[in-house]
Amino acid sequence: MTYFDLTIAELLLRLGLGAAIGFCVGLSGVGGGILGMQATSFVLGLDPIRAVGTTSLYLFLTNIAASIQHIRNKNVSWGSIWPVLLGALPADFLVSRWISAQGTNPELKAGLENLILFVVFVAIVAMAVNTLKKTADPDATPGGRISNCWKRKVIGFIFGIAFGCIVGATSVGGGILLVPALILLGLSSHRTVGSAIFITMTLTCITAFTYGIEGEVDRVTAITMAIGSLVGVFFGCRCSMGIPDKVLKKTMLVIIFSIAVAMLFTRTK
């Protein structure tokens, strides 16, 4: 018996993957994009281009509720993120449009697979630095930020182009790479997370739409995983109560790194 061209076992696997990713994100608040890409490409074995499109739709769907909540709580700094979006949106569209149109190019697929692995490992390093460093609250260290208003806007625009290209090509790294950049641009700690989530939601929406035009999105997989994530996030958040944040993030880092290494060795066989 099949539903949406998938067997019950395949649907349950996608629900389970979504729940597991949601649980990890609920525990530590990080890693959704990396784990989503690892799940679609490594576990489900989707083609690299299709994996990017599917993961983008999954991330967009899972970030909608969080973005709305952060907007209601006024945790999105519109004045600070518009230069980032100004650079990110066209870069995301152009890169994702070009890559999604190369579906029959085996050389590009191999290169994209290498790029995805590279971005995954860069994101892991960024997570490790953020987890292991011992610094004060970002609000208390304005000296580490860019103070000039116009310089912030120009650098934000450049950052936006880079993030747009990365998300458009891999769907990975939006959140974990955005957070330190937004802090550098002068956002307070509570607005950094909300702004990063909103930017990631916007970029993954563009990426998913663009890949979808070329038929490079597995909509059933993305929607099913997103449904599973709702349950996973709920239980992950509940389990995280009382556990030190550093312990949770270190555990998450080990899990993501282990899967990344497995992806690397599987790819090279």
Protein backbone atom coordinates (compact mmCIF):
# COMPACT_ATOMS: atom_id res chain seq x y z
CA MET A 1 0.00 0.00 0.00
CA THR A 2 1.36 3.42 -0.95
CA TYR A 3 0.45 7.00 -0.13
CA PHE A 4 1.75 9.83 -2.34
CA ASP A 5 3.95 7.28 -4.13
CA LEU A 6 5.58 6.28 -0.82
CA THR A 7 5.08 3.14 1.22
CA ILE A 8 3.95 3.39 4.83
CA ALA A 9 7.49 2.51 5.92
CA GLU A 10 8.93 5.35 3.81
CA LEU A 11 6.42 7.83 5.20
CA LEU A 12 7.17 6.71 8.75
CA LEU A 13 10.90 7.08 8.08
CA ARG A 14 10.38 10.68 6.97
CA LEU A 15 8.17 11.43 9.95
CA GLY A 16 10.80 9.88 12.22
CA LEU A 17 13.62 11.89 10.65
CA GLY A 18 11.63 15.10 11.07
CA ALA A 19 10.84 14.23 14.67
CA ALA A 20 14.51 13.43 15.41
CA ILE A 21 15.70 16.69 13.85
CA GLY A 22 13.02 18.65 15.66
CA PHE A 23 13.96 16.98 18.93
CA CYS A 24 17.64 17.94 18.48
CA VAL A 25 16.72 21.52 17.56
CA GLY A 26 14.35 21.70 20.52
CA LEU A 27 17.14 20.53 22.80
CA SER A 28 19.87 22.88 21.63
CA GLY A 29 18.28 25.42 19.28
CA VAL A 30 20.84 24.81 16.52
CA GLY A 31 21.59 22.45 13.66
CA GLY A 32 18.26 22.20 11.85
CA GLY A 33 19.69 23.03 8.43
CA ILE A 34 22.72 20.77 8.78
CA LEU A 35 20.69 17.82 10.05
CA GLY A 36 17.99 18.40 7.43
CA MET A 37 20.55 18.27 4.63
CA GLN A 38 22.20 15.19 6.14
CA ALA A 39 18.83 13.47 6.41
CA THR A 40 17.73 14.13 2.82
CA SER A 41 21.07 13.39 1.17
CA PHE A 42 22.69 10.77 3.41
CA VAL A 43 19.73 8.87 4.90
CA LEU A 44 17.13 9.24 2.14
CA GLY A 45 19.70 9.24 -0.65
CA LEU A 46 18.21 12.11 -2.63
CA ASP A 47 20.14 13.53 -5.57
CA PRO A 48 22.30 16.50 -4.35
CA ILE A 49 20.25 19.10 -6.25
CA ARG A 50 16.94 17.58 -5.17
CA ALA A 51 18.22 17.32 -1.59
CA VAL A 52 18.93 21.07 -1.52
CA GLY A 53 15.46 21.92 -2.83
CA THR A 54 13.72 19.51 -0.46
CA THR A 55 15.69 20.65 2.59
CA SER A 56 14.96 24.28 1.73
CA LEU A 57 11.21 23.65 1.67
CA TYR A 58 11.45 21.69 4.92
CA LEU A 59 13.38 24.54 6.61
CA PHE A 60 10.96 27.15 5.30
CA LEU A 61 7.96 25.27 6.69
CA THR A 62 9.58 24.68 10.08
CA ASN A 63 10.67 28.32 10.43
CA ILE A 64 7.29 29.91 9.69
CA ALA A 65 5.86 29.59 13.20
CA ALA A 66 9.14 30.63 14.85
CA SER A 67 9.42 33.69 12.61
CA ILE A 68 5.85 34.79 13.39
CA GLN A 69 6.51 34.42 17.11
CA HIS A 70 9.73 36.44 16.95
CA ILE A 71 7.98 39.18 14.93
CA ARG A 72 5.23 39.35 17.55
CA ASN A 73 7.87 39.59 20.29
CA LYS A 74 9.64 42.35 18.31
CA ASN A 75 12.81 40.28 18.10
CA VAL A 76 13.39 41.03 14.42
CA SER A 77 15.56 44.09 13.83
CA TRP A 78 14.17 45.37 10.52
CA GLY A 79 16.54 48.31 10.35
CA SER A 80 19.58 46.05 10.70
CA ILE A 81 18.59 43.17 8.46
CA TRP A 82 17.37 45.01 5.36
CA PRO A 83 20.92 45.46 3.95
CA VAL A 84 21.53 41.73 4.51
CA LEU A 85 18.31 40.82 2.71
CA LEU A 86 19.06 43.32 -0.06
CA GLY A 87 22.20 41.36 -0.88
CA ALA A 88 20.93 37.89 0.02
CA LEU A 89 17.66 37.71 -1.92
CA PRO A 90 18.99 38.29 -5.46
CA ALA A 91 22.09 36.19 -4.76
CA ASP A 92 19.95 33.34 -3.45
CA PHE A 93 17.61 33.50 -6.44
CA LEU A 94 20.33 33.66 -9.07
CA VAL A 95 22.44 30.86 -7.58
CA SER A 96 19.51 28.55 -6.89
CA ARG A 97 18.03 29.28 -10.33
CA TRP A 98 21.27 28.38 -12.08
CA ILE A 99 21.96 25.23 -10.05
CA SER A 100 18.39 23.91 -10.25
CA ALA A 101 18.50 24.23 -14.03
CA GLN A 102 21.57 21.95 -14.21
CA GLY A 103 19.75 18.79 -13.13
CA THR A 104 21.29 16.60 -15.84
CA ASN A 105 24.87 17.80 -15.35
CA PRO A 106 26.78 15.03 -13.48
CA GLU A 107 29.88 17.19 -12.98
CA LEU A 108 27.87 19.93 -11.29
CA LYS A 109 26.14 17.38 -9.07
CA ALA A 110 29.51 16.00 -7.96
CA GLY A 111 30.78 19.53 -7.33
CA LEU A 112 27.62 20.43 -5.43
CA GLU A 113 28.02 17.35 -3.24
CA ASN A 114 31.57 18.48 -2.39
CA LEU A 115 30.35 22.02 -1.71
CA ILE A 116 27.61 20.77 0.61
CA LEU A 117 30.11 18.74 2.61
CA PHE A 118 32.46 21.72 2.80
CA VAL A 119 29.70 24.04 4.05
CA VAL A 120 28.56 21.39 6.55
CA PHE A 121 32.06 21.17 8.04
CA VAL A 122 32.44 24.98 8.08
CA ALA A 123 29.12 25.21 9.93
CA ILE A 124 30.33 22.55 12.37
CA VAL A 125 33.47 24.60 13.07
CA ALA A 126 31.30 27.69 13.63
CA MET A 127 29.12 25.68 16.03
CA ALA A 128 32.20 24.42 17.87
CA VAL A 129 33.62 27.92 18.28
CA ASN A 130 30.26 29.23 19.50
CA THR A 131 29.84 26.29 21.90
CA LEU A 132 33.32 26.11 23.37
CA LYS A 133 34.26 29.79 23.65
CA LYS A 134 34.07 31.48 27.02
CA THR A 135 32.90 35.03 26.46
CA ALA A 136 30.56 37.47 28.09
CA ASP A 137 27.11 38.31 26.89
CA PRO A 138 27.37 39.84 23.40
CA ASP A 139 25.43 42.85 24.73
CA ALA A 140 28.33 43.54 27.07
CA THR A 141 31.00 43.54 24.37
CA PRO A 142 30.17 46.35 21.94
CA GLY A 143 33.87 46.76 21.19
CA GLY A 144 33.69 43.58 19.15
CA ARG A 145 31.08 45.05 16.85
CA ILE A 146 31.11 47.39 13.88
CA SER A 147 30.11 50.80 15.18
CA ASN A 148 29.88 52.93 12.02
CA CYS A 149 26.30 52.91 10.66
CA TRP A 150 27.13 53.04 6.95
CA LYS A 151 29.96 50.55 7.35
CA ARG A 152 27.47 48.16 9.01
CA LYS A 153 25.10 48.51 6.08
CA VAL A 154 27.79 47.91 3.46
CA ILE A 155 29.23 44.92 5.32
CA GLY A 156 25.71 43.62 5.94
CA PHE A 157 25.03 43.81 2.21
CA ILE A 158 28.25 41.88 1.47
CA PHE A 159 27.40 39.31 4.13
CA GLY A 160 23.96 39.02 2.56
CA ILE A 161 25.41 38.18 -0.85
CA ALA A 162 27.58 35.47 0.71
CA PHE A 163 24.71 33.99 2.73
CA GLY A 164 22.38 34.11 -0.24
CA CYS A 165 24.88 32.17 -2.37
CA ILE A 166 25.47 29.58 0.36
CA VAL A 167 21.78 28.99 1.08
CA GLY A 168 20.90 29.00 -2.61
CA ALA A 169 23.55 26.38 -3.35
CA THR A 170 23.35 24.16 -0.27
CA SER A 171 20.43 25.23 2.02
CA VAL A 172 22.95 24.83 4.89
CA GLY A 173 24.52 27.38 7.20
CA GLY A 174 21.92 30.15 7.26
CA GLY A 175 21.35 30.16 11.01
CA ILE A 176 24.68 29.10 12.48
CA LEU A 177 26.69 31.36 10.17
CA LEU A 178 24.25 34.28 10.40
CA VAL A 179 24.23 34.59 14.18
CA PRO A 180 27.88 35.65 14.67
CA ALA A 181 27.63 37.95 11.63
CA LEU A 182 24.53 39.70 13.00
CA ILE A 183 26.21 40.14 16.39
CA LEU A 184 29.16 41.71 14.58
CA LEU A 185 26.74 44.06 12.83
CA GLY A 186 25.52 45.32 16.21
CA LEU A 187 22.36 43.36 17.03
CA SER A 188 21.56 42.57 20.64
CA SER A 189 21.58 38.93 21.69
CA HIS A 190 17.79 38.51 21.87
CA ARG A 191 17.28 40.13 18.46
CA THR A 192 20.06 38.13 16.81
CA VAL A 193 18.18 34.82 16.97
CA GLY A 194 14.86 36.26 15.80
CA SER A 195 16.48 38.14 12.92
CA ALA A 196 18.52 35.09 11.86
CA ILE A 197 15.41 32.89 11.84
CA PHE A 198 13.47 35.41 9.76
CA ILE A 199 16.31 35.79 7.23
CA THR A 200 16.71 32.01 6.99
CA MET A 201 12.96 31.56 6.48
CA THR A 202 12.96 34.16 3.70
CA LEU A 203 15.97 32.70 1.91
CA THR A 204 14.78 29.09 2.12
CA CYS A 205 11.40 30.19 0.76
CA ILE A 206 13.12 31.66 -2.31
CA THR A 207 15.37 28.60 -2.66
CA ALA A 208 12.52 26.11 -2.35
CA PHE A 209 10.39 28.04 -4.85
CA THR A 210 13.23 28.28 -7.37
CA TYR A 211 14.18 24.61 -7.13
CA GLY A 212 10.50 23.72 -7.26
CA ILE A 213 10.14 25.42 -10.65
CA GLU A 214 12.57 22.86 -12.05
CA GLY A 215 10.87 19.97 -10.22
CA GLU A 216 13.82 19.54 -7.86
CA VAL A 217 11.77 19.46 -4.64
CA ASP A 218 10.32 16.35 -3.02
CA ARG A 219 7.29 18.06 -1.52
CA VAL A 220 5.92 14.98 0.25
CA THR A 221 9.25 14.39 2.00
CA ALA A 222 9.60 18.04 3.04
CA ILE A 223 6.03 18.34 4.35
CA THR A 224 6.16 14.98 6.15
CA MET A 225 9.46 15.84 7.83
CA ALA A 226 8.06 19.25 8.82
CA ILE A 227 5.07 17.56 10.48
CA GLY A 228 7.41 15.25 12.36
CA SER A 229 9.48 18.22 13.49
CA LEU A 230 6.49 19.80 15.23
CA VAL A 231 6.32 16.84 17.58
CA GLY A 232 10.09 16.60 17.96
CA VAL A 233 10.56 20.26 18.84
CA PHE A 234 7.85 20.03 21.52
CA PHE A 235 9.48 17.09 23.31
CA GLY A 236 12.99 18.42 22.74
CA CYS A 237 12.12 21.71 24.42
CA ARG A 238 10.59 19.89 27.37
CA CYS A 239 13.63 17.62 27.77
CA SER A 240 16.01 20.57 27.60
CA MET A 241 14.67 22.05 30.85
CA GLY A 242 17.22 21.75 33.60
CA ILE A 243 20.06 20.61 31.31
CA PRO A 244 22.95 23.09 30.90
CA ASP A 245 22.98 24.79 27.48
CA LYS A 246 26.68 23.99 26.95
CA VAL A 247 26.07 20.27 27.52
CA LEU A 248 23.21 20.25 25.01
CA LYS A 249 25.21 22.08 22.35
CA LYS A 250 28.26 19.84 22.80
CA THR A 251 26.04 16.77 22.43
CA MET A 252 24.49 18.23 19.30
CA LEU A 253 27.93 19.01 17.93
CA VAL A 254 29.07 15.41 18.39
CA ILE A 255 25.96 14.08 16.65
CA ILE A 256 26.28 16.40 13.65
CA PHE A 257 30.03 15.82 13.31
CA SER A 258 29.57 12.04 13.42
CA ILE A 259 26.97 12.14 10.64
CA ALA A 260 29.16 14.50 8.59
CA VAL A 261 32.09 12.09 8.82
CA ALA A 262 29.81 9.22 7.77
CA MET A 263 28.64 11.30 4.80
CA LEU A 264 32.25 11.97 3.82
CA PHE A 265 33.34 8.33 3.88
CA THR A 266 30.18 7.15 2.13
CA ARG A 267 30.70 9.69 -0.63
CA THR A 268 34.30 8.66 -1.26
CA LYS A 269 33.56 4.96 -1.62
